[in-house]
Amino acid sequence: MRTCPLLIGLMAVALLVMASGTAAASAGVVSVSAAFAHTVVLLDDGTVWTWGWADTPWGILGTGSDQSDGGYRQVTGLPRIVAIDASFKTSLAIDADGRVWAWGDNEYGQCGNEGSAAFFSPVRIDGLSNIVQVSCGGINCAALDSDGHVWTWGDNKYGQLGAGGAYGKSYRPIRVNSVDNVKMVAAGNGYTVVLKNDGTVWAWGENDLGMAGAGDKSNVLRPQQIQGLSDIVKIDAGYDHTLALRKDGTVWGWGDGAQNKIGNGQGFYDTVAVRTAARCSGLSNIVDVQASDQASMALAGDGSVYGWGSAIDGQFGNSVDISEPAGSPVKVPGLTDVVAIAAGYGHRAVIKKDGSVWMWGRNQEDQIQPGLGKKVLAPVKKLEGSGTTVVQQPTIPPAATGSTETGNSDIATYITIGGVALLALAVGVIGLLLYLRKR
């Protein structure tokens, strides 16, 4: 019938339009942030997407509800976003105008707004402008503006806001006047760390296990320089320990040394306070570091990834289900060409050079693969590179012999929107040509 080719062409064009209009599919991943029970990604079109544990009273996914279809969901109500940071139960985002947005748990004022214990959709934090970096440590947050000034808000019972006293909480950001010329901020759970332009590191807040690096266990109410550190180029704060990367590619840490997460060979089974900066052994040529709850993570200059500390959730990505902490950094097998890393409570995410996102570790709250219900012991591809969509059913490699994890033999289902679009275009062109030829 004459109209059949035309119908095919029109349907193909419609399919092409739908494919090209899928934001999550047509944009590449700019950054990824891993929290306790959810994951957040920023795409190069400025949109933010999340997945993970939806059935919570905190609204951690930012999708306006405590329910989810178990998939990859866009955080709506945001302008164009340029940076993200996800913490335990709260997420922050910076828009193109330097304003800050928040969603999730607000028990301690982490969302910078009064009126609710949790925000299920993004809210703008007043009092912040020209912000270039944000960090949320679970109960307290920090932001850095373009002039090198630091702003803090949230819980302050340990003096982590740097205002010179310990008191309740602050819903409104306050400027930390006693420190400036800052290039990076990192908020831990009850303490704050900053890196200055001169390569020195300063900290304040809770210090019972050495988190503020003051050499004793007294809380620090104002910014204080951490001695023994120089030429630092990157910092990251976990739950109760901090990592610092030196210009020479070495890694240093302080705070709670339990599970050997600082990497200095201490605290394998008991809490050990590392009160002054100690070098992490077995690491060199490192270009990025991430501190999480009971473990640490590093990216080497050759694109390989290392982990140390606890492995109870499969944080090492080596297909082995063990509960023993590592005595030295463990290289994640088979993982190459990595350009960015993110460490959550028990799960890990990386971006490779081709733009794809790979994940492994804790998955009991669906922070990697919804519906699987168990940890993922080796890296699996969660997102393809630019021009493709989420891999909704990644192949889960089988665990090593003797492990209690059984793995998952499901075949990976990759939906490449770019390929669908090209196929639709080809079918459409053929259909239209046949129609014109028969006229």
Protein backbone atom coordinates (compact mmCIF):
# COMPACT_ATOMS: atom_id res chain seq x y z
CA MET A 1 0.00 0.00 0.00
CA ARG A 2 1.30 3.43 -1.01
CA THR A 3 0.96 4.93 2.45
CA CYS A 4 2.96 2.21 4.16
CA PRO A 5 6.45 3.55 3.30
CA LEU A 6 5.32 7.03 4.29
CA LEU A 7 4.03 5.73 7.60
CA ILE A 8 7.30 3.93 8.21
CA GLY A 9 9.20 7.13 7.46
CA LEU A 10 7.07 9.23 9.78
CA MET A 11 7.38 6.69 12.58
CA ALA A 12 11.14 6.57 12.13
CA VAL A 13 11.42 10.35 12.24
CA ALA A 14 9.31 10.39 15.40
CA LEU A 15 11.58 7.79 16.92
CA LEU A 16 14.57 9.90 15.97
CA VAL A 17 13.07 12.95 17.63
CA MET A 18 12.33 10.99 20.80
CA ALA A 19 15.85 9.63 20.87
CA SER A 20 17.47 13.01 20.36
CA GLY A 21 15.27 14.50 23.08
CA THR A 22 16.39 12.09 25.80
CA ALA A 23 18.56 14.26 28.05
CA ALA A 24 20.16 11.37 29.89
CA ALA A 25 21.04 9.71 26.62
CA SER A 26 22.42 12.54 24.52
CA ALA A 27 24.69 14.10 27.13
CA GLY A 28 27.99 12.89 28.51
CA VAL A 29 28.91 12.49 32.17
CA VAL A 30 30.84 15.40 33.69
CA SER A 31 31.15 14.14 37.26
CA VAL A 32 29.85 11.50 39.65
CA SER A 33 29.39 11.66 43.42
CA ALA A 34 28.76 8.65 45.67
CA ALA A 35 27.02 8.93 49.05
CA PHE A 36 25.80 6.38 51.60
CA ALA A 37 22.82 4.93 49.78
CA HIS A 38 22.60 6.87 46.51
CA THR A 39 24.65 8.07 43.57
CA VAL A 40 24.48 11.41 41.75
CA VAL A 41 25.78 12.23 38.27
CA LEU A 42 26.11 15.54 36.45
CA LEU A 43 25.78 15.55 32.67
CA ASP A 44 27.36 18.06 30.31
CA ASP A 45 23.95 19.52 29.48
CA GLY A 46 23.75 20.73 33.09
CA THR A 47 21.18 18.17 34.26
CA VAL A 48 21.53 16.08 37.42
CA TRP A 49 20.47 12.43 37.70
CA THR A 50 20.26 10.10 40.71
CA TRP A 51 19.51 6.53 41.70
CA GLY A 52 19.62 4.52 44.92
CA TRP A 53 17.57 4.11 48.08
CA ALA A 54 14.30 5.95 47.53
CA ASP A 55 12.18 4.64 50.39
CA THR A 56 13.61 6.92 53.07
CA PRO A 57 12.27 9.87 55.10
CA TRP A 58 15.09 12.09 53.81
CA GLY A 59 14.38 12.56 50.10
CA ILE A 60 17.96 11.74 49.19
CA LEU A 61 17.21 11.29 45.46
CA GLY A 62 15.77 14.80 45.14
CA THR A 63 13.00 13.62 42.84
CA GLY A 64 10.11 15.03 44.89
CA SER A 65 9.03 11.72 46.39
CA ASP A 66 10.15 8.91 48.67
CA GLN A 67 9.22 6.45 45.94
CA SER A 68 11.16 5.42 42.84
CA ASP A 69 10.74 3.06 39.94
CA GLY A 70 14.20 1.74 40.74
CA GLY A 71 15.79 3.48 37.79
CA TYR A 72 17.81 6.47 36.77
CA ARG A 73 15.87 9.64 37.64
CA GLN A 74 16.42 13.32 36.85
CA VAL A 75 16.49 15.84 39.69
CA THR A 76 14.02 18.41 38.38
CA GLY A 77 13.60 22.03 39.43
CA LEU A 78 17.26 22.87 38.98
CA PRO A 79 18.81 25.45 36.63
CA ARG A 80 21.92 24.49 34.68
CA ILE A 81 24.29 22.84 37.17
CA VAL A 82 28.10 22.90 36.97
CA ALA A 83 29.17 20.96 40.11
CA ILE A 84 27.73 18.43 42.58
CA ASP A 85 28.58 16.84 45.93
CA ALA A 86 26.66 14.06 47.68
CA SER A 87 27.11 13.24 51.35
CA PHE A 88 25.53 10.73 53.74
CA LYS A 89 21.91 11.83 53.25
CA THR A 90 22.21 15.30 51.68
CA SER A 91 23.28 16.49 48.21
CA LEU A 92 24.52 19.89 47.05
CA ALA A 93 24.76 21.44 43.58
CA ILE A 94 26.22 24.66 42.17
CA ASP A 95 24.44 26.32 39.26
CA ALA A 96 26.00 28.29 36.40
CA ASP A 97 25.43 31.55 38.30
CA GLY A 98 27.37 30.39 41.36
CA ARG A 99 24.30 29.73 43.51
CA VAL A 100 23.94 26.63 45.71
CA TRP A 101 21.03 24.18 45.81
CA ALA A 102 20.38 21.34 48.26
CA TRP A 103 18.07 18.40 48.87
CA GLY A 104 17.79 15.52 51.31
CA ASP A 105 18.24 15.40 55.07
CA ASN A 106 17.97 18.74 56.87
CA GLU A 107 17.96 17.64 60.51
CA TYR A 108 21.07 19.70 61.21
CA GLY A 109 20.40 22.45 58.68
CA GLN A 110 22.45 20.86 55.90
CA CYS A 111 20.02 22.15 53.26
CA GLY A 112 20.46 25.71 54.50
CA ASN A 113 16.73 26.25 54.92
CA GLU A 114 14.34 26.10 57.86
CA GLY A 115 10.85 24.67 57.86
CA SER A 116 11.43 21.00 57.14
CA ALA A 117 13.49 18.09 58.46
CA ALA A 118 14.03 16.97 54.87
CA PHE A 119 13.64 18.39 51.37
CA PHE A 120 12.51 15.94 48.69
CA SER A 121 13.14 18.50 45.92
CA PRO A 122 16.00 21.00 45.52
CA VAL A 123 15.89 24.25 47.48
CA ARG A 124 18.17 27.23 46.97
CA ILE A 125 20.43 28.25 49.85
CA ASP A 126 20.25 32.00 50.40
CA GLY A 127 23.33 33.98 51.35
CA LEU A 128 25.71 32.23 48.96
CA SER A 129 26.95 33.71 45.67
CA ASN A 130 29.87 33.22 43.30
CA ILE A 131 30.44 29.74 44.74
CA VAL A 132 32.98 27.54 42.95
CA GLN A 133 33.05 24.43 45.18
CA VAL A 134 30.86 22.77 47.81
CA SER A 135 31.32 19.90 50.25
CA CYS A 136 28.83 18.24 52.60
CA GLY A 137 30.11 16.07 55.42
CA GLY A 138 26.86 14.56 56.59
CA ILE A 139 25.86 17.00 59.34
CA ASN A 140 27.77 20.13 58.30
CA CYS A 141 28.56 21.70 54.93
CA ALA A 142 31.11 24.09 53.45
CA ALA A 143 31.36 26.24 50.33
CA LEU A 144 34.19 28.15 48.66
CA ASP A 145 33.58 31.38 46.76
CA SER A 146 35.58 32.85 43.90
CA ASP A 147 37.43 35.20 46.27
CA GLY A 148 38.84 32.31 48.31
CA HIS A 149 36.45 32.80 51.23
CA VAL A 150 34.92 29.85 53.11
CA TRP A 151 31.27 29.59 54.14
CA THR A 152 29.84 26.97 56.50
CA TRP A 153 26.40 25.88 57.75
CA GLY A 154 24.69 22.98 59.51
CA ASP A 155 25.62 21.36 62.81
CA ASN A 156 28.11 23.16 65.07
CA LYS A 157 28.26 21.18 68.30
CA TYR A 158 31.98 20.58 67.76
CA GLY A 159 32.77 24.05 66.45
CA GLN A 160 32.99 22.78 62.87
CA LEU A 161 31.52 26.00 61.47
CA GLY A 162 34.69 27.83 62.51
CA ALA A 163 32.91 30.70 64.22
CA GLY A 164 34.90 30.43 67.44
CA GLY A 165 32.30 28.58 69.49
CA ALA A 166 30.39 25.31 69.70
CA TYR A 167 26.61 25.64 69.60
CA GLY A 168 23.52 23.98 68.07
CA LYS A 169 23.30 24.55 64.35
CA SER A 170 23.01 27.25 61.72
CA TYR A 171 20.57 27.14 58.82
CA ARG A 172 22.23 30.15 57.23
CA PRO A 173 25.76 30.06 55.83
CA ILE A 174 28.30 32.01 57.86
CA ARG A 175 31.65 33.22 56.60
CA VAL A 176 34.76 31.84 58.31
CA ASN A 177 36.64 35.11 58.76
CA SER A 178 39.82 33.63 60.20
CA VAL A 179 40.92 31.86 57.01
CA ASP A 180 41.25 33.13 53.43
CA ASN A 181 43.12 32.48 50.16
CA VAL A 182 41.52 29.03 50.10
CA LYS A 183 41.47 26.84 46.98
CA MET A 184 39.56 23.78 48.23
CA VAL A 185 37.16 22.81 51.04
CA ALA A 186 36.35 19.38 52.48
CA ALA A 187 33.66 18.80 55.11
CA GLY A 188 33.91 15.74 57.33
CA ASN A 189 31.30 14.51 59.77
CA GLY A 190 31.75 17.14 62.50
CA TYR A 191 34.88 18.84 61.20
CA THR A 192 36.04 20.98 58.28
CA VAL A 193 39.32 20.99 56.34
CA VAL A 194 40.57 23.54 53.81
CA LEU A 195 43.52 23.76 51.44
CA LYS A 196 45.06 27.19 50.95
CA ASN A 197 46.73 28.50 47.81
CA ASP A 198 50.14 28.22 49.46
CA GLY A 199 49.77 24.42 49.79
CA THR A 200 49.09 24.40 53.54
CA VAL A 201 46.14 22.62 55.15
CA TRP A 202 43.95 24.01 57.92
CA ALA A 203 41.22 22.29 59.94
CA TRP A 204 38.76 22.80 62.77
CA GLY A 205 35.92 21.03 64.57
CA GLU A 206 35.73 17.60 66.19
CA ASN A 207 39.15 16.21 67.09
CA ASP A 208 38.67 13.31 69.51
CA LEU A 209 40.29 10.93 67.01
CA GLY A 210 42.59 13.51 65.47
CA MET A 211 40.26 14.60 62.64
CA ALA A 212 41.38 18.23 62.96
CA GLY A 213 45.03 17.13 63.01
CA ALA A 214 45.84 19.25 66.06
CA GLY A 215 48.08 16.68 67.77
CA ASP A 216 45.75 16.17 70.75
CA LYS A 217 42.08 15.29 71.29
CA SER A 218 40.65 18.73 72.05
CA ASN A 219 38.10 20.10 69.61
CA VAL A 220 39.34 23.00 67.50
CA LEU A 221 37.00 26.01 67.33
CA ARG A 222 38.88 28.10 64.77
CA PRO A 223 40.97 27.21 61.71
CA GLN A 224 44.34 25.83 62.74
CA GLN A 225 47.18 24.80 60.44
CA ILE A 226 48.05 21.11 60.34
CA GLN A 227 51.77 20.81 60.93
CA GLY A 228 54.04 18.68 58.79
CA LEU A 229 52.14 19.23 55.55
CA SER A 230 53.35 21.30 52.60
CA ASP A 231 52.94 21.37 48.83
CA ILE A 232 49.45 19.85 49.11
CA VAL A 233 47.35 19.97 45.93
CA LYS A 234 44.17 18.06 46.91
CA ILE A 235 42.26 17.12 50.06
CA ASP A 236 39.24 14.96 50.82
CA ALA A 237 37.45 14.33 54.12
CA GLY A 238 35.65 11.11 54.96
CA TYR A 239 33.48 10.33 57.94
CA ASP A 240 36.31 10.69 60.45
CA HIS A 241 39.57 10.72 58.51
CA THR A 242 41.13 12.99 55.89
CA LEU A 243 43.50 12.39 52.98
CA ALA A 244 45.86 14.92 51.43
CA LEU A 245 47.72 14.59 48.13
CA ARG A 246 51.14 16.19 47.79
CA LYS A 247 52.58 17.64 44.62
CA ASP A 248 55.08 14.76 44.50
CA GLY A 249 52.23 12.21 44.16
CA THR A 250 52.41 10.89 47.73
CA VAL A 251 49.34 10.55 49.98
CA TRP A 252 49.04 11.59 53.61
CA GLY A 253 46.26 11.01 56.13
CA TRP A 254 45.09 11.67 59.68
CA GLY A 255 42.10 11.02 61.93
CA ASP A 256 40.57 7.65 62.79
CA GLY A 257 42.98 4.98 61.59
CA ALA A 258 40.64 2.02 62.12
CA GLN A 259 40.73 -0.64 59.38
CA ASN A 260 44.07 0.85 58.23
CA LYS A 261 42.10 3.35 56.16
CA ILE A 262 44.86 5.92 56.57
CA GLY A 263 47.27 3.39 55.11
CA ASN A 264 50.07 3.68 57.65
CA GLY A 265 49.80 0.09 58.88
CA GLN A 266 47.85 0.83 62.07
CA GLY A 267 44.39 0.15 63.44
CA PHE A 268 43.54 -3.07 61.62
CA TYR A 269 40.88 -4.07 64.13
CA ASP A 270 40.67 -1.26 66.68
CA THR A 271 40.15 2.47 66.53
CA VAL A 272 43.50 4.25 66.44
CA ALA A 273 43.73 8.03 66.58
CA VAL A 274 46.28 9.30 64.05
CA ARG A 275 46.65 12.82 65.43
CA THR A 276 49.31 14.10 63.04
CA ALA A 277 49.63 13.58 59.29
CA ALA A 278 51.11 10.19 58.37
CA ARG A 279 52.20 9.00 54.95
CA CYS A 280 50.16 6.28 53.26
CA SER A 281 52.58 3.53 52.29
CA GLY A 282 52.67 1.77 48.94
CA LEU A 283 51.39 4.67 46.84
CA SER A 284 53.16 6.87 44.29
CA ASN A 285 52.29 8.92 41.22
CA ILE A 286 48.81 9.55 42.64
CA VAL A 287 46.68 12.30 41.07
CA ASP A 288 43.46 12.12 43.14
CA VAL A 289 42.27 10.77 46.50
CA GLN A 290 38.90 9.99 48.09
CA ALA A 291 38.16 9.28 51.76
CA SER A 292 34.93 7.50 52.72
CA ASP A 293 33.71 5.86 55.92
CA GLN A 294 35.94 2.86 56.59
CA ALA A 295 38.12 2.91 53.48
CA SER A 296 40.09 5.10 51.09
CA MET A 297 40.59 5.32 47.35
CA ALA A 298 43.22 6.76 45.00
CA LEU A 299 43.67 7.38 41.28
CA ALA A 300 47.14 6.95 39.79
CA GLY A 301 48.57 8.90 36.89
CA ASP A 302 48.38 5.85 34.61
CA GLY A 303 44.59 5.61 35.04
CA SER A 304 44.62 2.75 37.54
CA VAL A 305 42.70 2.78 40.84
CA TYR A 306 43.70 1.64 44.33
CA GLY A 307 41.78 0.97 47.53
CA TRP A 308 42.74 0.35 51.14
CA GLY A 309 41.04 0.02 54.51
CA SER A 310 37.88 -2.03 54.96
CA ALA A 311 36.71 -4.34 52.18
CA ILE A 312 33.55 -5.59 53.85
CA ASP A 313 31.36 -4.18 51.06
CA GLY A 314 33.68 -5.19 48.22
CA GLN A 315 35.36 -1.78 48.04
CA PHE A 316 38.51 -3.22 46.42
CA GLY A 317 36.66 -4.41 43.32
CA ASN A 318 38.81 -7.53 43.08
CA SER A 319 35.96 -10.10 42.97
CA VAL A 320 36.80 -11.32 46.47
CA ASP A 321 34.29 -11.16 49.33
CA ILE A 322 36.41 -10.61 52.44
CA SER A 323 36.02 -8.79 55.74
CA GLU A 324 39.72 -8.33 56.50
CA PRO A 325 41.20 -4.85 55.96
CA ALA A 326 44.09 -4.54 53.55
CA GLY A 327 47.63 -4.10 54.86
CA SER A 328 48.58 -2.14 51.76
CA PRO A 329 46.74 -0.52 48.83
CA VAL A 330 45.01 -2.98 46.50
CA LYS A 331 44.90 -2.27 42.77
CA VAL A 332 41.45 -2.74 41.24
CA PRO A 333 42.02 -5.45 38.59
CA GLY A 334 41.20 -4.78 34.95
CA LEU A 335 40.30 -1.13 35.46
CA THR A 336 42.19 1.24 33.14
CA ASP A 337 41.92 4.71 31.62
CA VAL A 338 40.14 6.14 34.67
CA VAL A 339 40.02 9.94 34.88
CA ALA A 340 37.80 10.55 37.95
CA ILE A 341 36.91 8.64 41.12
CA ALA A 342 34.17 8.81 43.78
CA ALA A 343 33.98 6.94 47.09
CA GLY A 344 30.67 6.46 48.87
CA TYR A 345 30.04 4.78 52.21
CA GLY A 346 30.57 1.32 50.76
CA HIS A 347 30.30 1.70 46.98
CA ARG A 348 32.68 3.14 44.40
CA ALA A 349 32.24 4.90 41.06
CA VAL A 350 34.71 5.98 38.40
CA ILE A 351 34.60 7.75 35.06
CA LYS A 352 36.78 6.38 32.28
CA LYS A 353 38.37 8.32 29.45
CA ASP A 354 35.59 7.26 27.08
CA GLY A 355 32.99 8.86 29.39
CA SER A 356 31.59 5.59 30.73
CA VAL A 357 30.81 5.16 34.44
CA TRP A 358 31.81 1.97 36.26
CA MET A 359 30.73 0.98 39.77
CA TRP A 360 31.28 -1.67 42.44
CA GLY A 361 30.85 -2.30 46.16
CA ARG A 362 27.83 -1.99 48.43
CA ASN A 363 24.50 -2.35 46.65
CA GLN A 364 22.03 -3.30 49.38
CA GLU A 365 20.28 0.06 48.95
CA ASP A 366 20.29 -0.05 45.11
CA GLN A 367 23.08 2.53 44.83
CA ILE A 368 24.58 0.53 41.93
CA GLN A 369 21.96 -1.79 40.49
CA PRO A 370 18.32 -1.60 41.62
CA GLY A 371 16.77 -4.93 42.51
CA LEU A 372 19.99 -6.92 42.79
CA GLY A 373 20.01 -6.82 46.60
CA LYS A 374 23.67 -7.70 47.15
CA LYS A 375 27.14 -6.26 46.86
CA VAL A 376 28.90 -6.00 43.50
CA LEU A 377 32.42 -7.37 43.87
CA ALA A 378 33.95 -6.22 40.58
CA PRO A 379 33.51 -3.09 38.42
CA VAL A 380 30.44 -3.10 36.18
CA LYS A 381 29.52 -0.54 33.56
CA LYS A 382 26.61 1.56 34.78
CA LEU A 383 26.58 4.27 32.11
CA GLU A 384 27.90 4.25 28.59
CA GLY A 385 29.84 7.19 27.22
CA SER A 386 28.36 10.23 25.48
CA GLY A 387 25.42 9.43 23.23
CA THR A 388 24.15 6.45 25.19
CA THR A 389 21.90 5.77 28.12
CA VAL A 390 22.06 3.96 31.43
CA VAL A 391 22.90 0.27 31.47
CA GLN A 392 19.85 -0.92 33.41
CA GLN A 393 21.00 -4.51 33.81
CA PRO A 394 24.80 -4.71 33.91
CA THR A 395 26.57 -8.05 33.96
CA ILE A 396 27.65 -8.88 37.51
CA PRO A 397 30.92 -10.85 37.38
CA PRO A 398 30.94 -14.04 39.48
CA ALA A 399 32.76 -13.86 42.80
CA ALA A 400 36.12 -15.51 43.37
CA THR A 401 36.23 -19.15 44.46
CA GLY A 402 35.32 -19.55 48.12
CA SER A 403 33.34 -16.35 48.29
CA THR A 404 29.83 -16.23 49.66
CA GLU A 405 28.69 -13.95 46.84
CA THR A 406 27.24 -15.82 43.91
CA GLY A 407 27.28 -13.05 41.35
CA ASN A 408 24.67 -12.60 38.64
CA SER A 409 24.70 -14.21 35.23
CA ASP A 410 22.21 -11.83 33.63
CA ILE A 411 23.26 -10.65 30.20
CA ALA A 412 24.01 -6.94 30.00
CA THR A 413 21.39 -4.93 28.19
CA TYR A 414 22.94 -1.89 26.56
CA ILE A 415 20.52 0.59 25.02
CA THR A 416 22.46 2.84 22.74
CA ILE A 417 20.30 5.79 21.85
CA GLY A 418 22.78 7.00 19.26
CA GLY A 419 22.48 3.65 17.48
CA VAL A 420 18.69 3.70 17.67
CA ALA A 421 18.67 7.21 16.24
CA LEU A 422 20.89 6.23 13.30
CA LEU A 423 18.77 3.17 12.60
CA ALA A 424 15.60 5.26 12.75
CA LEU A 425 17.09 7.79 10.37
CA ALA A 426 18.10 5.08 7.91
CA VAL A 427 14.66 3.45 7.99
CA GLY A 428 13.02 6.84 7.59
CA VAL A 429 15.12 7.76 4.56
CA ILE A 430 14.44 4.41 2.89
CA GLY A 431 10.72 4.70 3.58
CA LEU A 432 10.49 8.20 2.16
CA LEU A 433 12.51 7.24 -0.93
CA LEU A 434 10.18 4.30 -1.59
CA TYR A 435 7.17 6.54 -1.19
CA LEU A 436 8.53 9.15 -3.59
CA ARG A 437 9.55 6.50 -6.10
CA LYS A 438 6.02 5.03 -6.24
CA ARG A 439 4.34 8.39 -6.72
